[in-house]
Amino acid sequence: MTAPAQRHVVLYDLGTASADLIHVLSKAGFTVSVIEPDPNDAARVGAVLGRRLPDLELRVDSAVPMHCDVFVSRAVDAGQAPQGALVVVLDGPQALAGLAGAARAVSMDLLAPRLLEVSFGSACADARRMAVEFVKSLNVPFMQSKGDAFAGTVLQDAALALVDRLLLVGVTPWELDEALEDAGFAQGLLKAQDHIGLELAFARRRAAGTDLLVADRMVREGRLGRSIGVGWYRYPGGGGAVIDPLMEDMIVEEARFARIDQMPISAARAADALIVGVMNAASGMLQSGVTPQELDQLAFYKLGLPDIIARARSMGQAAVEQRLRDLQAVHPTLWAPSPALSLLF
């Protein structure tokens, strides 16, 4: 394997959510420095990453190295980057506006590195070249971001809002996950969220001023996902997912607090409702400049849903619109037909 031109990558204050990225970077031949500025966090993150990545010799330190080629962080921490490094911020394209040192900065959706989105902002030609070389050396597909937010996270957040409502009206997480896999998803969405970590989407919702009843309560109660052993499922001894009856109790309680009535909905019908809702949300991305091919990639790599365009076209526009109208009984806004829906067909 040819060594990448930019050999040394610093990951700054990303916590345990960086595990997948570390694996991809190491596989591509990069030297990775994991930096957690708080020593207590460094010890905790080091222990979790050691369990998640047992084949890597990985240290977690608190001091930023004097030099590196690529510095990956949240936008608020971009000023910690060593001079001359390419700065990669994870918050989304909107974070580049007004960023100090923007000429050396780009935005990338990196933490789940199966499909990368890149926004160059006002980066100089040299920084753009470095960013493209960096992404290509990871050997994963990538696309240029078309708007102020990563299309993949917009799609994920739309799906999670649909999931939250479906759980509140009467399907359990494990029933929904099983039905989604039966419908063709590569993995149940809630298992996938446990793997990614629930705190990432929670942080996006807080920044946007939105909320979800079940998922937000989970984060506030420390149910952050597989990295700490409990999320939508439990992971005893760091092993596989196990059903957690406490989750069902929490969902029922949240529905009662919010005065949301239970509905007779099967897991298969809930999975169908989610797919149709995702199609509806995805249509707006076509209006913003995402191509059908890119949308198929986004739905597969970010949600595990293959062939979203073909699925929609096989159903037909009239059937999808009718299904959405029927589902407004579950939530009148989440399943309201998008003005851009026709672009799917």
Protein backbone atom coordinates (compact mmCIF):
# COMPACT_ATOMS: atom_id res chain seq x y z
CA MET A 1 0.00 0.00 0.00
CA THR A 2 1.28 3.46 -0.94
CA ALA A 3 1.73 5.66 2.11
CA PRO A 4 -0.58 8.73 2.13
CA ALA A 5 1.04 12.10 1.44
CA GLN A 6 -0.41 13.47 4.68
CA ARG A 7 0.84 10.94 7.20
CA HIS A 8 -0.11 12.31 10.62
CA VAL A 9 -3.71 13.00 11.68
CA VAL A 10 -4.72 14.50 15.03
CA LEU A 11 -8.24 13.81 16.34
CA TYR A 12 -9.04 16.46 18.94
CA ASP A 13 -11.69 16.00 21.64
CA LEU A 14 -13.89 13.63 19.62
CA GLY A 15 -14.44 11.06 22.35
CA THR A 16 -15.31 7.45 21.69
CA ALA A 17 -17.26 8.38 18.54
CA SER A 18 -13.91 8.46 16.73
CA ALA A 19 -13.47 4.65 16.80
CA ASP A 20 -14.63 3.96 13.22
CA LEU A 21 -12.58 6.87 11.88
CA ILE A 22 -9.46 5.66 13.69
CA HIS A 23 -9.91 2.22 12.15
CA VAL A 24 -10.23 3.65 8.63
CA LEU A 25 -7.28 6.02 9.09
CA SER A 26 -5.03 3.27 10.43
CA LYS A 27 -6.03 0.92 7.62
CA ALA A 28 -5.12 3.65 5.12
CA GLY A 29 -1.64 3.99 6.61
CA PHE A 30 -1.98 7.15 8.69
CA THR A 31 -0.39 7.77 12.07
CA VAL A 32 -3.21 8.82 14.39
CA SER A 33 -2.89 10.94 17.54
CA VAL A 34 -5.99 10.94 19.74
CA ILE A 35 -6.14 14.02 21.95
CA GLU A 36 -8.55 14.52 24.84
CA PRO A 37 -7.71 17.79 26.62
CA ASP A 38 -9.16 16.63 29.93
CA PRO A 39 -6.92 13.93 31.49
CA ASN A 40 -9.90 12.12 33.01
CA ASP A 41 -11.60 12.01 29.62
CA ALA A 42 -8.33 10.79 28.09
CA ALA A 43 -8.26 7.82 30.46
CA ARG A 44 -11.92 6.97 29.85
CA VAL A 45 -11.71 7.34 26.07
CA GLY A 46 -8.49 5.36 25.97
CA ALA A 47 -10.13 2.46 27.83
CA VAL A 48 -13.16 2.39 25.52
CA LEU A 49 -11.11 2.71 22.32
CA GLY A 50 -8.80 -0.03 23.56
CA ARG A 51 -11.77 -2.37 23.80
CA ARG A 52 -13.22 -1.28 20.46
CA LEU A 53 -9.88 -1.42 18.60
CA PRO A 54 -7.89 -4.17 20.33
CA ASP A 55 -5.56 -4.74 17.35
CA LEU A 56 -4.24 -1.16 17.33
CA GLU A 57 -1.55 0.29 19.56
CA LEU A 58 -3.34 3.48 20.46
CA ARG A 59 -2.47 6.18 22.98
CA VAL A 60 -4.78 8.94 24.12
CA ASP A 61 -2.93 12.07 25.25
CA SER A 62 -3.96 15.52 26.45
CA ALA A 63 -1.34 17.72 24.74
CA VAL A 64 -1.57 18.59 21.03
CA PRO A 65 1.58 17.66 19.06
CA MET A 66 3.69 20.51 17.71
CA HIS A 67 3.12 19.36 14.13
CA CYS A 68 0.59 17.34 12.15
CA ASP A 69 -0.68 17.17 8.59
CA VAL A 70 -4.43 17.02 9.29
CA PHE A 71 -6.23 18.27 12.40
CA VAL A 72 -9.80 17.00 12.90
CA SER A 73 -12.06 18.68 15.47
CA ARG A 74 -15.28 20.54 16.10
CA ALA A 75 -15.28 24.09 14.77
CA VAL A 76 -15.00 25.53 18.28
CA ASP A 77 -11.65 23.77 18.71
CA ALA A 78 -10.15 24.61 15.29
CA GLY A 79 -7.85 27.18 16.91
CA GLN A 80 -5.96 24.34 18.65
CA ALA A 81 -4.54 23.13 15.32
CA PRO A 82 -0.78 23.35 14.80
CA GLN A 83 0.29 25.94 12.26
CA GLY A 84 0.28 24.69 8.67
CA ALA A 85 -2.10 21.77 9.25
CA LEU A 86 -5.18 21.18 7.15
CA VAL A 87 -8.08 21.79 9.55
CA VAL A 88 -11.11 19.52 9.13
CA VAL A 89 -14.20 20.54 11.10
CA LEU A 90 -17.02 18.07 11.63
CA ASP A 91 -19.94 20.38 12.44
CA GLY A 92 -21.12 20.87 8.86
CA PRO A 93 -20.59 23.41 6.07
CA GLN A 94 -22.31 26.18 8.04
CA ALA A 95 -19.50 26.03 10.63
CA LEU A 96 -16.98 27.37 8.11
CA ALA A 97 -18.63 30.80 7.96
CA GLY A 98 -16.56 33.24 9.98
CA LEU A 99 -14.12 30.56 11.13
CA ALA A 100 -10.70 31.98 11.95
CA GLY A 101 -8.16 30.54 9.54
CA ALA A 102 -10.88 29.54 7.09
CA ALA A 103 -8.36 29.51 4.23
CA ARG A 104 -6.83 26.33 5.75
CA ALA A 105 -10.14 24.74 6.79
CA VAL A 106 -12.70 22.45 5.19
CA SER A 107 -15.73 20.64 6.56
CA MET A 108 -16.12 16.86 6.34
CA ASP A 109 -18.62 14.30 7.59
CA LEU A 110 -16.01 11.86 8.87
CA LEU A 111 -17.16 10.06 11.99
CA ALA A 112 -19.04 7.32 10.11
CA PRO A 113 -16.56 7.07 7.22
CA ARG A 114 -18.34 4.86 4.72
CA LEU A 115 -19.43 7.80 2.55
CA LEU A 116 -17.79 11.20 3.06
CA GLU A 117 -19.27 14.60 2.36
CA VAL A 118 -16.86 17.48 1.84
CA SER A 119 -17.45 21.24 1.83
CA PHE A 120 -14.55 23.48 0.85
CA GLY A 121 -15.99 26.81 2.01
CA SER A 122 -13.44 29.55 1.38
CA ALA A 123 -10.40 27.24 1.63
CA CYS A 124 -7.39 28.20 -0.47
CA ALA A 125 -6.31 26.12 -3.45
CA ASP A 126 -3.59 24.34 -1.45
CA ALA A 127 -6.01 23.37 1.34
CA ARG A 128 -8.52 22.09 -1.22
CA ARG A 129 -5.84 19.98 -2.86
CA MET A 130 -4.78 18.55 0.50
CA ALA A 131 -8.40 17.81 1.41
CA VAL A 132 -9.02 15.91 -1.83
CA GLU A 133 -5.78 13.93 -1.40
CA PHE A 134 -6.73 13.12 2.19
CA VAL A 135 -10.20 11.90 1.28
CA LYS A 136 -8.97 9.83 -1.68
CA SER A 137 -6.38 8.11 0.49
CA LEU A 138 -9.17 6.81 2.77
CA ASN A 139 -10.50 4.66 -0.10
CA VAL A 140 -14.17 5.42 0.54
CA PRO A 141 -16.70 7.13 -1.75
CA PHE A 142 -17.15 10.85 -1.30
CA MET A 143 -19.29 13.69 -2.59
CA GLN A 144 -19.22 17.47 -2.36
CA SER A 145 -21.81 18.93 -0.01
CA LYS A 146 -24.52 20.96 -1.73
CA GLY A 147 -25.91 23.07 1.11
CA ASP A 148 -25.40 24.47 4.60
CA ALA A 149 -25.64 21.03 6.25
CA PHE A 150 -24.41 17.56 5.38
CA ALA A 151 -27.12 15.80 3.38
CA GLY A 152 -26.34 12.53 5.14
CA THR A 153 -26.97 13.92 8.61
CA VAL A 154 -30.14 15.69 7.41
CA LEU A 155 -31.41 12.32 6.16
CA GLN A 156 -30.38 10.55 9.39
CA ASP A 157 -32.08 13.18 11.54
CA ALA A 158 -35.28 12.96 9.49
CA ALA A 159 -35.29 9.17 9.93
CA LEU A 160 -34.71 9.46 13.69
CA ALA A 161 -37.64 11.85 14.06
CA LEU A 162 -39.86 9.33 12.27
CA VAL A 163 -38.53 6.52 14.49
CA ASP A 164 -39.21 8.50 17.66
CA ARG A 165 -42.85 8.95 16.75
CA LEU A 166 -43.36 5.35 15.67
CA LEU A 167 -41.99 4.14 19.01
CA LEU A 168 -44.29 6.48 20.92
CA VAL A 169 -47.43 5.17 19.18
CA GLY A 170 -46.69 1.55 19.97
CA VAL A 171 -43.81 -0.35 18.32
CA THR A 172 -40.73 -1.42 20.31
CA PRO A 173 -37.16 -0.66 19.19
CA TRP A 174 -36.31 -4.32 18.63
CA GLU A 175 -39.53 -5.01 16.73
CA LEU A 176 -38.85 -2.04 14.46
CA ASP A 177 -35.20 -2.98 13.89
CA GLU A 178 -36.15 -6.55 12.97
CA ALA A 179 -38.84 -5.33 10.57
CA LEU A 180 -36.42 -2.88 8.95
CA GLU A 181 -33.90 -5.65 8.36
CA ASP A 182 -36.69 -7.82 6.92
CA ALA A 183 -37.51 -4.89 4.59
CA GLY A 184 -33.94 -4.81 3.29
CA PHE A 185 -32.02 -2.50 5.62
CA ALA A 186 -28.42 -3.55 6.15
CA GLN A 187 -28.94 -3.09 9.91
CA GLY A 188 -31.72 -1.89 12.18
CA LEU A 189 -31.55 1.89 12.57
CA LEU A 190 -31.48 1.75 16.35
CA LYS A 191 -28.62 -0.75 16.47
CA ALA A 192 -26.80 1.52 14.03
CA GLN A 193 -27.43 4.52 16.30
CA ASP A 194 -26.04 2.61 19.26
CA HIS A 195 -22.89 1.95 17.24
CA ILE A 196 -22.48 5.59 16.19
CA GLY A 197 -23.39 7.01 19.61
CA LEU A 198 -26.61 8.85 20.44
CA GLU A 199 -24.81 11.98 21.64
CA LEU A 200 -23.89 13.06 18.09
CA ALA A 201 -27.46 13.46 16.85
CA PHE A 202 -28.44 14.92 20.24
CA ALA A 203 -25.82 17.65 19.84
CA ARG A 204 -27.18 18.48 16.37
CA ARG A 205 -30.71 18.76 17.74
CA ARG A 206 -29.60 21.05 20.54
CA ALA A 207 -27.79 23.29 18.05
CA ALA A 208 -30.89 23.40 15.85
CA GLY A 209 -33.30 23.96 18.74
CA THR A 210 -35.25 20.75 18.08
CA ASP A 211 -35.93 17.75 20.29
CA LEU A 212 -37.08 14.14 20.35
CA LEU A 213 -38.91 12.78 23.36
CA VAL A 214 -37.38 9.32 23.65
CA ALA A 215 -33.88 9.80 22.23
CA ASP A 216 -33.21 13.01 24.15
CA ARG A 217 -34.27 11.46 27.46
CA MET A 218 -31.97 8.53 26.76
CA VAL A 219 -28.95 10.81 26.33
CA ARG A 220 -29.80 12.76 29.49
CA GLU A 221 -29.95 9.48 31.40
CA GLY A 222 -26.58 8.35 30.08
CA ARG A 223 -27.81 5.85 27.46
CA LEU A 224 -25.25 6.86 24.85
CA GLY A 225 -24.91 3.59 22.95
CA ARG A 226 -22.61 0.63 22.64
CA SER A 227 -19.47 2.50 23.75
CA ILE A 228 -20.75 2.60 27.34
CA GLY A 229 -22.72 -0.65 27.22
CA VAL A 230 -26.26 0.72 27.05
CA GLY A 231 -28.36 2.62 24.52
CA TRP A 232 -31.43 1.35 22.71
CA TYR A 233 -30.12 -2.08 23.70
CA ARG A 234 -27.79 -3.38 26.39
CA TYR A 235 -24.37 -4.79 25.53
CA PRO A 236 -23.33 -6.96 28.47
CA GLY A 237 -19.58 -7.46 28.66
CA GLY A 238 -19.12 -5.45 25.47
CA GLY A 239 -20.85 -8.18 23.47
CA GLY A 240 -23.83 -8.14 21.13
CA ALA A 241 -27.13 -6.31 21.51
CA VAL A 242 -29.61 -7.60 24.10
CA ILE A 243 -33.20 -6.41 24.46
CA ASP A 244 -33.65 -4.03 27.39
CA PRO A 245 -37.21 -4.05 28.85
CA LEU A 246 -36.47 -0.74 30.61
CA MET A 247 -36.53 0.93 27.19
CA GLU A 248 -40.11 -0.19 26.62
CA ASP A 249 -41.09 1.23 30.01
CA MET A 250 -39.40 4.54 29.19
CA ILE A 251 -41.18 4.83 25.84
CA VAL A 252 -44.60 4.10 27.35
CA GLU A 253 -43.93 6.68 30.06
CA GLU A 254 -42.89 9.36 27.57
CA ALA A 255 -45.99 8.69 25.45
CA ARG A 256 -48.18 9.06 28.55
CA PHE A 257 -46.47 12.33 29.57
CA ALA A 258 -46.97 13.72 26.05
CA ARG A 259 -50.56 12.41 25.86
CA ILE A 260 -49.82 10.44 22.71
CA ASP A 261 -52.37 7.70 22.16
CA GLN A 262 -51.23 4.19 21.27
CA MET A 263 -52.19 2.96 17.81
CA PRO A 264 -52.65 -0.55 16.40
CA ILE A 265 -49.53 -0.66 14.23
CA SER A 266 -47.59 -3.79 13.37
CA ALA A 267 -43.80 -3.77 13.13
CA ALA A 268 -43.99 -4.39 9.36
CA ARG A 269 -46.36 -1.46 8.90
CA ALA A 270 -44.10 0.72 11.05
CA ALA A 271 -41.11 -0.20 8.87
CA ASP A 272 -43.14 0.68 5.76
CA ALA A 273 -44.11 4.00 7.37
CA LEU A 274 -40.47 4.77 8.05
CA ILE A 275 -39.40 3.98 4.48
CA VAL A 276 -42.16 6.11 2.96
CA GLY A 277 -41.32 8.94 5.38
CA VAL A 278 -37.64 8.76 4.43
CA MET A 279 -38.58 8.87 0.73
CA ASN A 280 -40.64 11.98 1.44
CA ALA A 281 -37.80 13.69 3.33
CA ALA A 282 -35.25 12.66 0.71
CA SER A 283 -37.18 14.28 -2.13
CA GLY A 284 -36.28 17.72 -0.81
CA MET A 285 -32.60 16.89 -1.24
CA LEU A 286 -33.12 16.41 -4.96
CA GLN A 287 -34.51 19.93 -5.05
CA SER A 288 -31.36 21.23 -3.35
CA GLY A 289 -29.04 19.73 -5.96
CA VAL A 290 -28.33 16.18 -4.74
CA THR A 291 -28.43 13.81 -7.72
CA PRO A 292 -30.50 10.59 -7.71
CA GLN A 293 -27.26 8.55 -7.67
CA GLU A 294 -25.97 10.54 -4.68
CA LEU A 295 -29.31 10.10 -2.91
CA ASP A 296 -29.10 6.33 -3.37
CA GLN A 297 -25.59 6.42 -1.88
CA LEU A 298 -26.69 8.59 1.05
CA ALA A 299 -29.67 6.39 1.89
CA PHE A 300 -27.54 3.24 1.77
CA TYR A 301 -24.42 4.44 3.57
CA LYS A 302 -26.16 6.65 6.16
CA LEU A 303 -29.30 4.60 6.82
CA GLY A 304 -28.56 1.15 5.41
CA LEU A 305 -31.52 1.48 3.00
CA PRO A 306 -30.63 0.28 -0.52
CA ASP A 307 -32.15 1.50 -3.80
CA ILE A 308 -34.38 4.25 -2.41
CA ILE A 309 -35.05 5.69 -5.88
CA ALA A 310 -36.00 2.31 -7.35
CA ARG A 311 -38.22 1.55 -4.34
CA ALA A 312 -40.09 4.83 -4.75
CA ARG A 313 -40.55 4.36 -8.49
CA SER A 314 -41.77 0.79 -8.07
CA MET A 315 -44.48 2.07 -5.70
CA GLY A 316 -45.43 5.01 -7.91
CA GLN A 317 -46.10 8.60 -6.97
CA ALA A 318 -49.83 8.20 -6.40
CA ALA A 319 -49.34 5.26 -4.02
CA VAL A 320 -46.63 7.07 -2.03
CA GLU A 321 -48.76 10.19 -1.73
CA GLN A 322 -51.75 8.15 -0.54
CA ARG A 323 -49.58 6.31 1.98
CA LEU A 324 -48.31 9.63 3.33
CA ARG A 325 -51.84 10.96 3.69
CA ASP A 326 -52.83 7.82 5.60
CA LEU A 327 -49.81 8.18 7.90
CA GLN A 328 -50.69 11.72 8.92
CA ALA A 329 -52.78 10.03 11.59
CA VAL A 330 -49.46 9.05 13.19
CA HIS A 331 -48.12 12.62 12.90
CA PRO A 332 -49.56 15.34 10.64
CA THR A 333 -46.25 17.10 9.97
CA LEU A 334 -43.70 14.31 9.80
CA TRP A 335 -45.64 12.51 7.06
CA ALA A 336 -46.98 15.60 5.26
CA PRO A 337 -46.25 15.15 1.50
CA SER A 338 -43.26 17.23 0.43
CA PRO A 339 -43.72 19.74 -2.42
CA ALA A 340 -40.64 18.10 -3.99
CA LEU A 341 -42.03 14.56 -3.86
CA SER A 342 -42.52 14.34 -7.64
CA LEU A 343 -38.75 14.63 -8.14
CA LEU A 344 -38.35 11.03 -6.93
CA PHE A 345 -40.33 9.65 -9.87
